[in-house]
Amino acid sequence: MNKKNILFLLIGILFGIALMKSDAVSWFRMQEMFRFQGFQLFGIFMSGIATSALGIFIIKKLDIKTIDGEPIQFEKKEFNWGYVYGSLLFGVGWGLTGACPGPIYVQIGSGLSIAVVTLLSALAGTWVYSYLKPKLPH
């Protein structure tokens, strides 16, 4: 394992701890959010949007490079209805399981063994998409 992988692993572990401590991997918190009964996750998302916007501004202003010294590029994407359908499907899965891809691993690592079913379902969904991708409008 090289030094970069160890660094990324440590950052991932810290991120997982932050998700756990903020209760961002709790199915109950997800349900509160989807029912508009709790502000906690909305607050996390809003602070994430603000932090990302600031980070992108700084990256562009200071011409920051990747860890390998390559330029960071932000490309504009054209609207595609696939984004709408995909996000609806993603939201339904997220609402049912209480997890998007990152928190699945945190749930498993915290001992929530049923999250393995969520992980396997996510992998199956990814496989189905890759199989159907040539037939889907892009």
Protein backbone atom coordinates (compact mmCIF):
# COMPACT_ATOMS: atom_id res chain seq x y z
CA MET A 1 0.00 0.00 0.00
CA ASN A 2 1.53 3.31 -1.02
CA LYS A 3 1.50 6.53 1.01
CA LYS A 4 -1.36 8.11 -0.99
CA ASN A 5 -3.62 5.11 -0.38
CA ILE A 6 -2.90 5.24 3.35
CA LEU A 7 -3.69 8.97 3.34
CA PHE A 8 -6.96 8.37 1.49
CA LEU A 9 -7.84 5.52 3.87
CA LEU A 10 -7.26 7.75 6.90
CA ILE A 11 -9.33 10.57 5.37
CA GLY A 12 -12.10 8.05 4.67
CA ILE A 13 -12.02 6.78 8.24
CA LEU A 14 -12.20 10.35 9.57
CA PHE A 15 -15.09 11.07 7.21
CA GLY A 16 -16.87 7.94 8.43
CA ILE A 17 -16.39 8.99 12.05
CA ALA A 18 -17.77 12.45 11.22
CA LEU A 19 -20.81 10.88 9.53
CA MET A 20 -21.38 8.64 12.55
CA LYS A 21 -20.96 11.42 15.12
CA SER A 22 -23.25 13.78 13.20
CA ASP A 23 -25.91 11.05 13.00
CA ALA A 24 -25.87 11.41 9.19
CA VAL A 25 -26.06 7.64 8.73
CA SER A 26 -29.15 7.17 10.88
CA TRP A 27 -32.21 5.80 9.11
CA PHE A 28 -34.35 7.77 11.57
CA ARG A 29 -32.60 11.04 10.67
CA MET A 30 -33.16 10.28 6.99
CA GLN A 31 -36.85 9.71 7.63
CA GLU A 32 -37.06 13.00 9.55
CA MET A 33 -35.50 14.78 6.61
CA PHE A 34 -37.72 13.18 3.97
CA ARG A 35 -40.80 14.00 6.07
CA PHE A 36 -39.60 17.59 6.68
CA GLN A 37 -39.66 16.95 10.43
CA GLY A 38 -36.01 17.59 11.24
CA PHE A 39 -33.43 20.18 10.23
CA GLN A 40 -30.23 18.30 11.15
CA LEU A 41 -29.52 16.70 7.76
CA PHE A 42 -30.69 19.76 5.84
CA GLY A 43 -28.19 21.75 7.89
CA ILE A 44 -25.43 19.27 7.06
CA PHE A 45 -26.27 19.43 3.35
CA MET A 46 -26.51 23.22 3.31
CA SER A 47 -23.15 23.57 5.04
CA GLY A 48 -21.74 21.04 2.54
CA ILE A 49 -23.02 23.13 -0.38
CA ALA A 50 -21.49 26.29 1.07
CA THR A 51 -18.19 24.53 1.80
CA SER A 52 -18.08 23.06 -1.72
CA ALA A 53 -18.82 26.42 -3.34
CA LEU A 54 -16.06 28.04 -1.31
CA GLY A 55 -13.68 25.19 -2.11
CA ILE A 56 -14.35 25.44 -5.86
CA PHE A 57 -13.87 29.21 -5.72
CA ILE A 58 -10.51 28.78 -3.96
CA ILE A 59 -9.39 26.02 -6.37
CA LYS A 60 -10.17 28.24 -9.37
CA LYS A 61 -8.74 31.43 -7.85
CA LEU A 62 -5.47 29.89 -6.67
CA ASP A 63 -5.18 27.42 -9.58
CA ILE A 64 -4.73 24.51 -7.16
CA LYS A 65 -3.55 21.21 -8.66
CA THR A 66 -4.35 17.60 -7.76
CA ILE A 67 -2.12 15.59 -5.45
CA ASP A 68 -0.34 14.38 -8.63
CA GLY A 69 0.19 17.94 -9.87
CA GLU A 70 -2.47 17.82 -12.59
CA PRO A 71 -4.82 20.78 -13.15
CA ILE A 72 -8.33 20.50 -11.74
CA GLN A 73 -10.94 21.07 -14.43
CA PHE A 74 -14.62 21.84 -14.00
CA GLU A 75 -16.62 20.94 -17.08
CA LYS A 76 -20.16 22.10 -17.72
CA LYS A 77 -22.69 19.36 -18.33
CA GLU A 78 -25.73 19.69 -20.51
CA PHE A 79 -29.15 18.87 -19.11
CA ASN A 80 -30.23 15.27 -19.60
CA TRP A 81 -33.52 13.71 -18.45
CA GLY A 82 -31.51 10.72 -17.30
CA TYR A 83 -30.32 12.86 -14.37
CA VAL A 84 -33.94 13.40 -13.32
CA TYR A 85 -34.88 9.72 -13.58
CA GLY A 86 -31.67 8.59 -11.92
CA SER A 87 -32.02 11.04 -9.04
CA LEU A 88 -35.63 9.96 -8.45
CA LEU A 89 -34.57 6.32 -8.34
CA PHE A 90 -31.62 7.22 -6.10
CA GLY A 91 -33.93 9.17 -3.77
CA VAL A 92 -36.38 6.29 -3.46
CA GLY A 93 -33.56 3.90 -2.57
CA TRP A 94 -32.10 6.42 -0.16
CA GLY A 95 -35.48 6.95 1.52
CA LEU A 96 -36.08 3.22 1.89
CA THR A 97 -32.64 2.27 3.16
CA GLY A 98 -31.51 5.47 4.88
CA ALA A 99 -28.19 5.38 3.06
CA CYS A 100 -26.50 6.76 0.01
CA PRO A 101 -23.24 5.10 -1.16
CA GLY A 102 -20.78 6.56 1.40
CA PRO A 103 -22.83 5.92 4.52
CA ILE A 104 -23.46 2.29 3.53
CA TYR A 105 -19.87 1.49 4.49
CA VAL A 106 -20.16 3.51 7.70
CA GLN A 107 -23.31 1.59 8.63
CA ILE A 108 -21.58 -1.73 7.98
CA GLY A 109 -18.48 -0.62 9.90
CA SER A 110 -20.62 0.45 12.85
CA GLY A 111 -22.11 -3.02 13.11
CA LEU A 112 -25.42 -2.50 11.29
CA SER A 113 -25.25 -5.82 9.47
CA ILE A 114 -28.49 -5.30 7.50
CA ALA A 115 -26.61 -2.60 5.57
CA VAL A 116 -24.87 -5.45 3.73
CA VAL A 117 -28.21 -5.96 1.95
CA THR A 118 -28.18 -2.27 0.99
CA LEU A 119 -24.63 -2.62 -0.35
CA LEU A 120 -25.51 -5.71 -2.38
CA SER A 121 -28.60 -3.94 -3.73
CA ALA A 122 -26.53 -0.91 -4.73
CA LEU A 123 -24.02 -3.15 -6.49
CA ALA A 124 -26.84 -5.01 -8.26
CA GLY A 125 -28.37 -1.69 -9.35
CA THR A 126 -25.01 -0.53 -10.68
CA TRP A 127 -24.63 -3.77 -12.62
CA VAL A 128 -28.17 -3.49 -14.07
CA TYR A 129 -27.45 0.10 -15.15
CA SER A 130 -24.18 -0.89 -16.84
CA TYR A 131 -26.01 -3.72 -18.63
CA LEU A 132 -28.85 -1.44 -19.80
CA LYS A 133 -26.72 1.66 -20.48
CA PRO A 134 -26.35 1.02 -24.23
CA LYS A 135 -30.16 0.83 -24.53
CA LEU A 136 -30.90 3.94 -22.45
CA PRO A 137 -31.20 7.47 -23.87
CA HIS A 138 -28.14 9.54 -23.02
